[in-house]
Structure formats: structure tokens, C-alpha cells
Amino acid sequence: MTRRQHAFTLIEVLAVIVILGLLAGATAWAIVAETRTVTRDEVIDVLTRTDHTARLTARRLGQPCELRIDYERQNLRRVMLLPDGTTERAHLVTLPDSCRITPIRLPAERTRPPSTDKQVIAYATDGRSRDFGIEVAVEDESRWLVVIGMTGQTLITDDEQHAIDILLAADPGRPHAD
């Protein structure tokens, strides 16, 4: 009499485990890669919301505040300016490593070396600030965000010269070129 066994061999079990491990690893890799990819539009949205929040905070609290942009560390910090002259750190946003932000330098500013890797945007108690522009680059593709300080209106363009023209038109007192 022959007796048949209905079980899996050790090799078959190991093969199934290896295949399941490979599938799990591939799935995890795809999920991690997908969560780390950031788009220019997402970064521009973060910059726009941070500016908008700083304006609202200054208006609602009736206190001036600042948006401190650190281009080297790639972060934005909203800071409240208290009546006694001290500051209160309110909010920090760190941008992903896959993106790069730089300030827009107007033609008159390009003849001088950049003074710092930081920029401070001051907001008055009515929420107004000066006009500013930021280049947002992700994977060698750039867009330019221009913020009109009087109204808080944001404009987005794919053309650097167009962004510069907007800034110059918004503030006729700015020097156009040396």
C-alpha cells in the first residue's frame, strides 16, 4: 500500500514566503516613493496659505507679525511681534527636500550680490505687507509666485520675466535697473 501525503514541501513553503516578501517590499517601496513626491503646486499652496495666515493673524489680533523665510534651511516661520518688543514664534513650516525656493531678484538687485539667505516680510496690523516674489523649483521645473502686499493677491506664472514685470508694475517706485 502506498500512502500519499497531502502536504507542502519545505521548498514550496520557502518559495511562497520569498514571493510574498518581494511583493510586500515592492508595495512598501511604491507607497513611500509616492508620499515623498511633492509637486510645485503643493509647495506654492503652502507658501500662499502661510502668507494668508500671517495676514489674517495680524488683522485679527491687531498686532504686527513677520514671515521669516530662510532660503538656506528651506523653511518659513511666522513670528508675532508683541507690544513689549519681544517676539513669539507662532508657526514653522519646513519645505520638503525635493523642492527649492529662492527669492525673485529684480534687475536692479541682480548687479549686487545677495545680502542674505533670509528674507523678512513684515505685516502691519491691517494685514498689509510689501510685495514679494518666490521661485519654486521641483525637479528642475520652476514656477514663480508673486504676492501683492497691499491686497494679499497671489499670482503664479511659469515665466520669470512675467513675475518681474508684475512686481515692477505693482510698485512703480522700485528701481527698474541700475
Protein backbone atom coordinates (compact mmCIF):
# COMPACT_ATOMS: atom_id res chain seq x y z
CA MET A 1 0.00 0.00 0.00
CA THR A 2 1.20 3.38 -0.92
CA ARG A 3 0.35 6.21 1.22
CA ARG A 4 0.03 9.70 -0.32
CA GLN A 5 0.75 12.77 1.67
CA HIS A 6 -1.09 15.98 1.02
CA ALA A 7 1.34 18.49 2.46
CA PHE A 8 3.66 21.11 1.05
CA THR A 9 7.37 20.50 0.96
CA LEU A 10 9.75 22.83 2.73
CA ILE A 11 10.97 24.21 -0.60
CA GLU A 12 7.43 25.09 -1.70
CA VAL A 13 6.73 26.91 1.59
CA LEU A 14 10.01 28.86 1.35
CA ALA A 15 9.26 29.84 -2.26
CA VAL A 16 5.86 31.23 -1.24
CA ILE A 17 7.42 33.18 1.65
CA VAL A 18 10.07 34.71 -0.65
CA ILE A 19 7.44 35.72 -3.24
CA LEU A 20 5.23 37.30 -0.57
CA GLY A 21 8.25 39.16 0.84
CA LEU A 22 9.13 40.55 -2.59
CA LEU A 23 5.54 41.68 -3.20
CA ALA A 24 5.35 43.35 0.23
CA GLY A 25 8.67 45.12 -0.34
CA ALA A 26 7.63 46.38 -3.77
CA THR A 27 4.33 47.66 -2.38
CA ALA A 28 6.04 49.44 0.53
CA TRP A 29 8.59 50.99 -1.82
CA ALA A 30 5.83 52.33 -4.09
CA ILE A 31 3.92 53.81 -1.15
CA VAL A 32 7.00 55.52 0.31
CA ALA A 33 8.04 56.90 -3.08
CA GLU A 34 4.55 58.23 -3.66
CA THR A 35 4.37 60.03 -0.30
CA ARG A 36 7.77 61.68 -0.78
CA THR A 37 6.98 63.14 -4.18
CA VAL A 38 5.87 66.74 -3.88
CA THR A 39 4.63 68.96 -6.66
CA ARG A 40 5.37 72.61 -7.26
CA ASP A 41 1.70 73.40 -6.88
CA GLU A 42 1.63 71.84 -3.40
CA VAL A 43 4.62 73.95 -2.32
CA ILE A 44 3.05 77.08 -3.83
CA ASP A 45 -0.15 76.27 -1.95
CA VAL A 46 1.81 76.01 1.32
CA LEU A 47 3.52 79.36 0.64
CA THR A 48 0.19 81.01 -0.24
CA ARG A 49 -1.56 79.65 2.85
CA THR A 50 1.32 80.72 5.11
CA ASP A 51 1.16 84.27 3.72
CA HIS A 52 -2.63 84.32 4.06
CA THR A 53 -2.45 83.06 7.66
CA ALA A 54 0.10 85.75 8.58
CA ARG A 55 -2.19 88.45 7.15
CA LEU A 56 -5.24 87.12 8.99
CA THR A 57 -3.34 86.79 12.25
CA ALA A 58 -2.08 90.38 12.08
CA ARG A 59 -5.60 91.66 11.33
CA ARG A 60 -7.46 89.58 13.88
CA LEU A 61 -5.04 90.12 16.76
CA GLY A 62 -4.31 93.73 15.83
CA GLN A 63 -0.59 93.05 16.19
CA PRO A 64 2.12 93.19 13.56
CA CYS A 65 3.78 89.95 12.62
CA GLU A 66 6.55 88.75 10.35
CA LEU A 67 7.03 85.91 7.95
CA ARG A 68 10.68 84.90 8.11
CA ILE A 69 11.83 82.93 5.10
CA ASP A 70 15.10 81.02 5.43
CA TYR A 71 16.17 80.05 1.92
CA GLU A 72 19.14 78.02 3.14
CA ARG A 73 17.11 75.85 5.55
CA GLN A 74 14.05 75.94 3.28
CA ASN A 75 11.59 76.94 5.99
CA LEU A 76 9.08 79.66 6.80
CA ARG A 77 8.36 80.92 10.30
CA ARG A 78 5.50 83.20 11.31
CA VAL A 79 6.52 85.37 14.27
CA MET A 80 4.24 87.60 16.33
CA LEU A 81 5.68 90.98 17.38
CA LEU A 82 4.46 91.65 20.90
CA PRO A 83 3.79 95.18 22.27
CA ASP A 84 6.72 94.92 24.71
CA GLY A 85 9.13 94.49 21.78
CA THR A 86 9.64 90.75 22.20
CA THR A 87 8.68 88.13 19.66
CA GLU A 88 6.62 84.99 19.92
CA ARG A 89 7.28 82.16 17.50
CA ALA A 90 3.92 81.05 16.24
CA HIS A 91 4.30 78.65 13.35
CA LEU A 92 7.08 76.87 11.46
CA VAL A 93 6.75 75.26 8.04
CA THR A 94 9.64 73.21 6.67
CA LEU A 95 9.52 72.51 2.96
CA PRO A 96 10.44 69.08 1.56
CA ASP A 97 13.99 68.41 0.41
CA SER A 98 12.80 67.76 -3.12
CA CYS A 99 11.91 71.42 -3.64
CA ARG A 100 13.96 74.59 -3.64
CA ILE A 101 12.71 78.15 -3.08
CA THR A 102 14.66 81.30 -3.92
CA PRO A 103 13.67 84.96 -3.87
CA ILE A 104 12.97 86.78 -7.12
CA ARG A 105 15.72 89.31 -7.72
CA LEU A 106 14.74 92.30 -9.81
CA PRO A 107 17.13 93.61 -12.48
CA ALA A 108 18.42 96.41 -10.20
CA GLU A 109 19.09 93.86 -7.45
CA ARG A 110 20.98 91.45 -9.71
CA THR A 111 24.00 93.72 -10.03
CA ARG A 112 24.57 93.41 -6.27
CA PRO A 113 25.41 90.13 -4.54
CA PRO A 114 22.57 88.72 -2.45
CA SER A 115 22.80 90.15 1.06
CA THR A 116 21.45 87.13 2.91
CA ASP A 117 19.80 83.75 2.61
CA LYS A 118 16.91 85.07 4.67
CA GLN A 119 14.02 87.37 3.93
CA VAL A 120 11.64 89.00 6.39
CA ILE A 121 8.17 90.00 5.26
CA ALA A 122 6.59 92.38 7.79
CA TYR A 123 2.80 92.52 8.11
CA ALA A 124 1.14 95.62 9.56
CA THR A 125 -1.85 95.39 11.90
CA ASP A 126 -4.15 95.74 8.88
CA GLY A 127 -2.52 92.70 7.24
CA ARG A 128 -0.62 94.59 4.55
CA SER A 129 2.98 93.84 3.59
CA ARG A 130 5.40 94.73 0.85
CA ASP A 131 5.22 92.91 -2.48
CA PHE A 132 7.46 89.88 -2.85
CA GLY A 133 8.15 87.01 -5.20
CA ILE A 134 9.49 83.50 -4.74
CA GLU A 135 10.74 80.97 -7.28
CA VAL A 136 9.62 77.43 -6.50
CA ALA A 137 11.67 74.69 -8.18
CA VAL A 138 10.90 70.98 -8.05
CA GLU A 139 12.90 68.59 -10.24
CA ASP A 140 14.34 71.36 -12.44
CA GLU A 141 10.92 72.84 -13.20
CA SER A 142 10.22 76.30 -11.83
CA ARG A 143 7.19 78.43 -11.19
CA TRP A 144 7.13 81.91 -9.76
CA LEU A 145 4.77 83.04 -7.00
CA VAL A 146 4.19 86.78 -6.71
CA VAL A 147 2.37 88.22 -3.69
CA ILE A 148 0.93 91.72 -3.89
CA GLY A 149 1.37 93.08 -0.37
CA MET A 150 -1.45 95.63 -0.37
CA THR A 151 -4.18 93.08 -1.07
CA GLY A 152 -2.57 89.70 -0.46
CA GLN A 153 -3.43 88.65 -4.00
CA THR A 154 -1.16 85.88 -5.29
CA LEU A 155 -0.21 85.38 -8.90
CA ILE A 156 1.52 82.30 -10.30
CA THR A 157 3.43 82.25 -13.56
CA ASP A 158 5.76 79.91 -15.44
CA ASP A 159 7.78 82.86 -16.79
CA GLU A 160 10.34 84.64 -14.61
CA GLN A 161 10.22 87.83 -16.69
CA HIS A 162 6.43 87.96 -16.27
CA ALA A 163 6.86 87.68 -12.47
CA ILE A 164 9.40 90.52 -12.52
CA ASP A 165 7.08 92.66 -14.66
CA ILE A 166 4.24 92.08 -12.17
CA LEU A 167 6.43 93.13 -9.24
CA LEU A 168 7.62 96.23 -11.07
CA ALA A 169 4.07 97.20 -12.10
CA ALA A 170 2.76 96.68 -8.55
CA ASP A 171 5.36 99.04 -7.09
CA PRO A 172 6.26 101.81 -9.57
CA GLY A 173 8.72 103.25 -7.04
CA ARG A 174 11.05 100.28 -7.32
CA PRO A 175 14.21 100.80 -9.31
CA HIS A 176 13.97 99.02 -12.66
CA ALA A 177 17.67 98.71 -13.40
CA ASP A 178 20.98 100.30 -12.47
